[in-house]
Amino acid sequence: MPTNSEREARRRRREAALALRPSMSPTGPADGHFRVATWNVNSLNVRAAALRRFLERTGADVVLLQETKSATISPSATKVLEALGYHVVHAGTGAYNGVAIASTRELTSVVASSDFGDEHLDREPRLISAVTQAPSPTRLVSVYVPHGREIGHWHYEYKLAFLEALEDQVARWLDEGSLIVGGDFNVAPTNSDVFHPAPFAGHTHVSSAEREALDRLVSAGLVDLDARRWGAHERRFTFWRHGFHYERNLGMRIDLLLADRGLAARLATTWIDHTERGGERPSDHAALLADFVADPSTAEVVRDHQDE
């Protein structure tokens, strides 16, 4: 049982985090920057109006989407994206999973689940990638890692195998050039990335095997951008179950933006969009955004907090 002082410390942390939320959301476009977002929308059709508000407000150059929950981009979402000038690629089969990339620049060299020649990456529509000019060629990847259900379940083994296969694919992409990987990884990298470790003991998302698999993926040559900008223990959550969890900040950090080290050196800042997460009929995930200095010659060095 927690002591009174421990409960008080938690309350203070929770209140401090809640007070920061307005400053964590971008209020307008990022002029002079290349802005990339990742967002598990939990149904693109349901969230079409929210996507319009989000894109109009943030002016994101790229948004990586997960859980589109459709075989094709819905007419309502298509209308939004076309009206705002986005090029879109999508992989989906029905009412579950589904990933997409929307970009203000043309997308080429598209590869999606069913194209990789790997049984784990091709099993379900959970991975899609394409190349854009940003302003130099950059491969974008939207990923939705399997949940895992429970430790020992076949879906948990599938999750670990998916992460291992993704690590191998990321290594090949890094050999080709610049890379940004974003999405819902369904793994909290550290105990600081959950509201309190005790309720998660013995469950998925925090097991050592999952964390080690994620760490190997990042160590292939990527940088966790939010951790680099703010530190690995800042409790910047991106997911809260529906209900009172969001109001009490009982969340997790499971949505990540990862970039190769060259791009990471151009990082200006990251954001967690509480504007839409705190709005009407929200997804259970908040969008995570990263701003890169568009002109590398003007980039300021961001202190590397990732290992703190």
Protein backbone atom coordinates (compact mmCIF):
# COMPACT_ATOMS: atom_id res chain seq x y z
CA MET A 1 0.00 0.00 0.00
CA PRO A 2 1.34 3.49 -0.83
CA THR A 3 2.11 5.77 2.07
CA ASN A 4 0.44 9.13 2.54
CA SER A 5 3.57 10.90 1.29
CA GLU A 6 3.65 8.70 -1.83
CA ARG A 7 -0.01 9.43 -2.55
CA GLU A 8 0.62 13.12 -2.09
CA ALA A 9 3.60 13.01 -4.43
CA ARG A 10 1.46 11.31 -7.09
CA ARG A 11 -1.25 13.93 -6.68
CA ARG A 12 1.27 16.72 -7.17
CA ARG A 13 2.71 15.06 -10.27
CA ARG A 14 -0.76 14.56 -11.70
CA GLU A 15 -1.79 18.17 -11.10
CA ALA A 16 1.46 19.46 -12.59
CA ALA A 17 0.93 17.35 -15.71
CA LEU A 18 -2.65 18.52 -16.12
CA ALA A 19 -1.57 22.15 -15.80
CA LEU A 20 0.94 21.70 -18.64
CA ARG A 21 -1.53 20.35 -21.17
CA PRO A 22 -2.51 23.65 -22.86
CA SER A 23 1.14 24.48 -23.58
CA MET A 24 1.77 21.03 -25.08
CA SER A 25 -0.64 21.51 -28.00
CA PRO A 26 0.42 23.42 -31.13
CA THR A 27 -1.79 26.45 -31.76
CA GLY A 28 -0.75 27.05 -35.37
CA PRO A 29 1.51 25.92 -38.21
CA ALA A 30 5.28 25.63 -37.76
CA ASP A 31 6.69 28.15 -40.25
CA GLY A 32 10.19 27.28 -41.43
CA HIS A 33 9.86 23.73 -40.15
CA PHE A 34 8.93 20.32 -41.48
CA ARG A 35 6.15 19.05 -39.20
CA VAL A 36 5.35 15.35 -38.88
CA ALA A 37 2.51 13.93 -36.78
CA THR A 38 1.45 10.45 -35.79
CA TRP A 39 -2.08 9.75 -34.59
CA ASN A 40 -4.02 6.62 -33.75
CA VAL A 41 -7.45 7.96 -34.73
CA ASN A 42 -9.43 4.87 -33.66
CA SER A 43 -11.62 5.04 -36.81
CA LEU A 44 -10.80 7.54 -39.52
CA ASN A 45 -14.44 7.81 -40.51
CA VAL A 46 -15.54 8.72 -36.99
CA ARG A 47 -12.64 11.15 -36.59
CA ALA A 48 -12.88 12.86 -40.03
CA ALA A 49 -14.06 16.18 -38.60
CA ALA A 50 -11.40 16.04 -35.89
CA LEU A 51 -8.76 15.34 -38.55
CA ARG A 52 -9.86 18.43 -40.45
CA ARG A 53 -9.63 20.60 -37.35
CA PHE A 54 -6.25 19.12 -36.48
CA LEU A 55 -4.73 19.65 -39.93
CA GLU A 56 -6.14 23.14 -40.35
CA ARG A 57 -4.76 24.18 -36.97
CA THR A 58 -1.36 22.49 -37.05
CA GLY A 59 -0.54 22.62 -40.76
CA ALA A 60 1.25 19.27 -40.47
CA ASP A 61 3.26 18.41 -43.58
CA VAL A 62 2.81 14.71 -42.87
CA VAL A 63 0.42 12.77 -40.65
CA LEU A 64 0.90 9.06 -40.00
CA LEU A 65 -2.42 7.43 -39.10
CA GLN A 66 -3.25 4.18 -37.32
CA GLU A 67 -6.43 2.23 -36.65
CA THR A 68 -8.21 3.64 -39.68
CA LYS A 69 -10.59 0.68 -39.31
CA SER A 70 -11.58 0.51 -42.97
CA ALA A 71 -10.69 -1.27 -46.17
CA THR A 72 -10.38 2.08 -47.95
CA ILE A 73 -10.22 5.71 -46.88
CA SER A 74 -13.77 6.70 -46.01
CA PRO A 75 -15.54 9.26 -48.24
CA SER A 76 -15.71 11.76 -45.36
CA ALA A 77 -11.97 11.51 -44.69
CA THR A 78 -11.17 11.57 -48.41
CA LYS A 79 -13.11 14.81 -48.77
CA VAL A 80 -11.17 16.38 -45.89
CA LEU A 81 -7.76 15.30 -47.16
CA GLU A 82 -8.41 16.28 -50.76
CA ALA A 83 -9.75 19.69 -49.75
CA LEU A 84 -6.58 20.36 -47.75
CA GLY A 85 -4.25 19.18 -50.53
CA TYR A 86 -2.92 15.94 -49.04
CA HIS A 87 -1.67 12.92 -50.97
CA VAL A 88 -2.72 9.70 -49.23
CA VAL A 89 -1.68 6.05 -49.22
CA HIS A 90 -3.51 3.46 -47.13
CA ALA A 91 -3.50 -0.21 -46.16
CA GLY A 92 -6.60 -1.76 -44.63
CA THR A 93 -8.93 -4.74 -44.86
CA GLY A 94 -12.01 -3.98 -42.77
CA ALA A 95 -13.17 -2.93 -39.33
CA TYR A 96 -9.84 -3.56 -37.57
CA ASN A 97 -6.30 -2.21 -37.86
CA GLY A 98 -5.47 -0.10 -40.93
CA VAL A 99 -2.64 2.41 -41.44
CA ALA A 100 -2.19 5.43 -43.69
CA ILE A 101 0.16 8.27 -44.60
CA ALA A 102 -1.07 11.71 -45.66
CA SER A 103 1.44 14.21 -47.01
CA THR A 104 1.31 17.64 -48.60
CA ARG A 105 4.03 16.37 -50.97
CA GLU A 106 3.75 13.51 -53.43
CA LEU A 107 4.31 10.01 -52.06
CA THR A 108 6.32 7.47 -54.01
CA SER A 109 7.90 4.03 -53.52
CA VAL A 110 4.93 2.83 -51.48
CA VAL A 111 5.30 -0.50 -49.63
CA ALA A 112 2.60 -1.85 -47.33
CA SER A 113 1.65 -4.98 -45.42
CA SER A 114 1.33 -7.84 -47.95
CA ASP A 115 4.33 -6.44 -49.90
CA PHE A 116 7.23 -7.17 -47.51
CA GLY A 117 7.65 -10.90 -48.03
CA ASP A 118 7.60 -11.41 -44.26
CA GLU A 119 4.84 -13.42 -42.59
CA HIS A 120 4.69 -11.13 -39.56
CA LEU A 121 4.71 -7.77 -41.34
CA ASP A 122 2.29 -9.03 -44.00
CA ARG A 123 -0.18 -10.83 -41.74
CA GLU A 124 -2.42 -7.81 -41.04
CA PRO A 125 -2.54 -4.21 -42.37
CA ARG A 126 -0.25 -2.73 -39.72
CA LEU A 127 2.59 -1.18 -41.73
CA ILE A 128 2.84 1.21 -44.66
CA SER A 129 5.73 3.29 -45.93
CA ALA A 130 6.39 5.78 -48.71
CA VAL A 131 9.03 8.30 -49.77
CA THR A 132 8.44 12.05 -49.81
CA GLN A 133 10.61 15.11 -50.43
CA ALA A 134 11.11 16.71 -47.02
CA PRO A 135 12.79 18.71 -48.63
CA SER A 136 15.22 15.86 -49.40
CA PRO A 137 13.99 12.28 -49.97
CA THR A 138 12.76 10.79 -46.69
CA ARG A 139 11.03 7.48 -46.13
CA LEU A 140 7.94 7.76 -43.92
CA VAL A 141 6.58 4.76 -42.03
CA SER A 142 3.26 4.41 -40.24
CA VAL A 143 3.10 1.41 -37.92
CA TYR A 144 0.50 -0.14 -35.66
CA VAL A 145 2.21 -2.80 -33.53
CA PRO A 146 0.00 -5.71 -32.39
CA HIS A 147 -1.48 -5.33 -28.90
CA GLY A 148 -0.33 -8.68 -27.54
CA ARG A 149 -3.48 -9.31 -25.46
CA GLU A 150 -1.72 -11.10 -22.60
CA ILE A 151 1.70 -12.56 -21.90
CA GLY A 152 1.90 -16.09 -23.27
CA HIS A 153 -0.95 -15.58 -25.74
CA TRP A 154 -0.21 -16.30 -29.40
CA HIS A 155 -0.86 -12.61 -30.10
CA TYR A 156 1.94 -11.72 -27.68
CA GLU A 157 4.35 -13.95 -29.59
CA TYR A 158 3.11 -12.35 -32.80
CA LYS A 159 3.84 -8.91 -31.31
CA LEU A 160 7.43 -9.85 -30.47
CA ALA A 161 7.95 -11.40 -33.90
CA PHE A 162 6.48 -8.30 -35.56
CA LEU A 163 8.89 -6.02 -33.69
CA GLU A 164 11.84 -8.23 -34.61
CA ALA A 165 10.84 -8.22 -38.28
CA LEU A 166 10.32 -4.46 -38.17
CA GLU A 167 13.82 -4.05 -36.70
CA ASP A 168 15.28 -5.89 -39.68
CA GLN A 169 13.23 -3.82 -42.13
CA VAL A 170 14.24 -0.56 -40.42
CA ALA A 171 17.91 -1.50 -40.79
CA ARG A 172 17.41 -1.95 -44.53
CA TRP A 173 15.59 1.38 -44.83
CA LEU A 174 18.32 3.17 -42.90
CA ASP A 175 20.86 1.90 -45.43
CA GLU A 176 18.83 3.69 -48.12
CA GLY A 177 18.68 7.13 -46.46
CA SER A 178 16.57 9.35 -44.21
CA LEU A 179 13.81 7.66 -42.23
CA ILE A 180 10.92 8.61 -39.96
CA VAL A 181 8.95 5.85 -38.23
CA GLY A 182 5.85 6.78 -36.26
CA GLY A 183 2.86 5.09 -34.79
CA ASP A 184 1.24 3.19 -31.98
CA PHE A 185 3.89 0.79 -30.69
CA ASN A 186 1.79 -0.63 -27.85
CA VAL A 187 4.91 -0.65 -25.65
CA ALA A 188 5.71 1.80 -22.85
CA PRO A 189 9.52 2.16 -23.06
CA THR A 190 10.11 2.72 -19.31
CA ASN A 191 8.20 2.72 -16.03
CA SER A 192 8.03 6.52 -16.33
CA ASP A 193 5.86 5.97 -19.41
CA VAL A 194 2.93 4.58 -17.38
CA PHE A 195 0.98 6.40 -14.70
CA HIS A 196 2.11 3.90 -12.07
CA PRO A 197 3.98 0.61 -12.63
CA ALA A 198 2.11 -1.54 -10.09
CA PRO A 199 -1.20 -1.93 -12.00
CA PHE A 200 0.72 -3.13 -15.08
CA ALA A 201 2.82 -5.80 -13.40
CA GLY A 202 2.51 -9.07 -15.29
CA HIS A 203 0.70 -7.49 -18.24
CA THR A 204 1.55 -6.59 -21.80
CA HIS A 205 2.99 -3.22 -22.87
CA VAL A 206 5.56 -3.21 -20.04
CA SER A 207 7.11 -6.68 -20.09
CA SER A 208 10.87 -6.94 -20.38
CA ALA A 209 10.61 -8.86 -23.66
CA GLU A 210 8.52 -6.13 -25.27
CA ARG A 211 10.74 -3.34 -23.99
CA GLU A 212 13.89 -5.14 -25.12
CA ALA A 213 12.40 -5.67 -28.59
CA LEU A 214 11.52 -1.98 -28.83
CA ASP A 215 14.96 -0.98 -27.59
CA ARG A 216 16.61 -3.13 -30.25
CA LEU A 217 14.44 -1.48 -32.89
CA VAL A 218 15.44 2.01 -31.78
CA SER A 219 19.08 0.99 -31.39
CA ALA A 220 19.16 -0.06 -35.06
CA GLY A 221 19.87 3.61 -35.76
CA LEU A 222 16.84 5.63 -34.68
CA VAL A 223 16.21 8.33 -32.07
CA ASP A 224 13.09 8.58 -29.88
CA LEU A 225 12.29 12.22 -30.62
CA ASP A 226 10.05 13.06 -27.66
CA ALA A 227 12.52 11.49 -25.24
CA ARG A 228 15.36 13.36 -26.88
CA ARG A 229 13.59 16.69 -26.60
CA TRP A 230 12.19 16.40 -23.07
CA GLY A 231 13.99 13.51 -21.39
CA ALA A 232 13.04 9.87 -21.02
CA HIS A 233 11.30 10.29 -17.66
CA GLU A 234 9.00 13.28 -18.23
CA ARG A 235 5.74 11.28 -18.15
CA ARG A 236 4.44 12.74 -21.41
CA PHE A 237 1.58 10.32 -22.02
CA THR A 238 -0.17 9.80 -25.37
CA PHE A 239 -2.86 7.22 -24.51
CA TRP A 240 -5.61 7.15 -21.90
CA ARG A 241 -8.52 4.73 -21.76
CA HIS A 242 -11.87 6.37 -22.23
CA GLY A 243 -13.60 7.49 -19.07
CA PHE A 244 -12.01 9.14 -16.05
CA HIS A 245 -8.47 8.10 -17.04
CA TYR A 246 -7.82 11.19 -19.14
CA GLU A 247 -9.15 13.61 -16.51
CA ARG A 248 -6.90 11.97 -13.89
CA ASN A 249 -3.94 11.54 -16.27
CA LEU A 250 -3.87 7.76 -15.84
CA GLY A 251 -2.07 7.35 -19.12
CA MET A 252 0.75 5.72 -21.01
CA ARG A 253 3.34 6.78 -23.58
CA ILE A 254 2.96 4.21 -26.35
CA ASP A 255 2.86 6.44 -29.44
CA LEU A 256 6.33 7.29 -30.72
CA LEU A 257 8.05 9.25 -33.45
CA LEU A 258 11.48 7.85 -34.34
CA ALA A 259 13.95 9.33 -36.82
CA ASP A 260 17.42 8.62 -38.10
CA ARG A 261 20.20 10.46 -36.28
CA GLY A 262 20.72 13.00 -39.06
CA LEU A 263 17.10 14.09 -38.99
CA ALA A 264 17.06 14.01 -35.19
CA ALA A 265 19.87 16.57 -35.19
CA ARG A 266 17.43 18.95 -36.91
CA LEU A 267 14.71 18.47 -34.28
CA ALA A 268 13.27 21.73 -32.95
CA THR A 269 10.58 20.42 -30.60
CA THR A 270 7.76 17.91 -30.12
CA TRP A 271 4.12 18.33 -29.14
CA ILE A 272 1.29 16.21 -27.71
CA ASP A 273 -2.05 17.44 -28.97
CA HIS A 274 -4.43 17.75 -26.04
CA THR A 275 -6.69 20.07 -28.01
CA GLU A 276 -8.34 17.19 -29.85
CA ARG A 277 -7.76 14.59 -27.13
CA GLY A 278 -9.67 16.79 -24.71
CA GLY A 279 -12.40 17.58 -27.23
CA GLU A 280 -15.70 16.01 -28.16
CA ARG A 281 -15.79 12.28 -29.07
CA PRO A 282 -11.98 11.98 -29.01
CA SER A 283 -9.78 9.06 -29.91
CA ASP A 284 -8.22 7.41 -26.88
CA HIS A 285 -4.85 8.54 -28.28
CA ALA A 286 -3.45 12.04 -28.62
CA ALA A 287 -1.50 12.99 -31.72
CA LEU A 288 2.26 13.33 -31.28
CA LEU A 289 4.05 15.89 -33.47
CA ALA A 290 7.68 16.70 -34.22
CA ASP A 291 9.05 19.85 -35.84
CA PHE A 292 12.28 19.65 -37.82
CA VAL A 293 14.22 22.70 -38.98
CA ALA A 294 13.65 22.71 -42.74
CA ASP A 295 17.06 24.20 -43.58
CA PRO A 296 19.79 22.05 -41.97
CA SER A 297 22.25 24.96 -41.98
CA THR A 298 20.07 26.84 -39.48
CA ALA A 299 19.35 23.89 -37.17
CA GLU A 300 20.01 24.42 -33.48
CA VAL A 301 21.39 21.48 -31.54
CA VAL A 302 18.81 19.96 -29.21
CA ARG A 303 20.40 18.58 -26.08
CA ASP A 304 20.15 14.81 -26.14
CA HIS A 305 18.02 13.81 -23.12
CA GLN A 306 17.27 10.31 -24.34
CA ASP A 307 19.38 8.45 -21.79
CA GLU A 308 18.50 10.60 -18.78
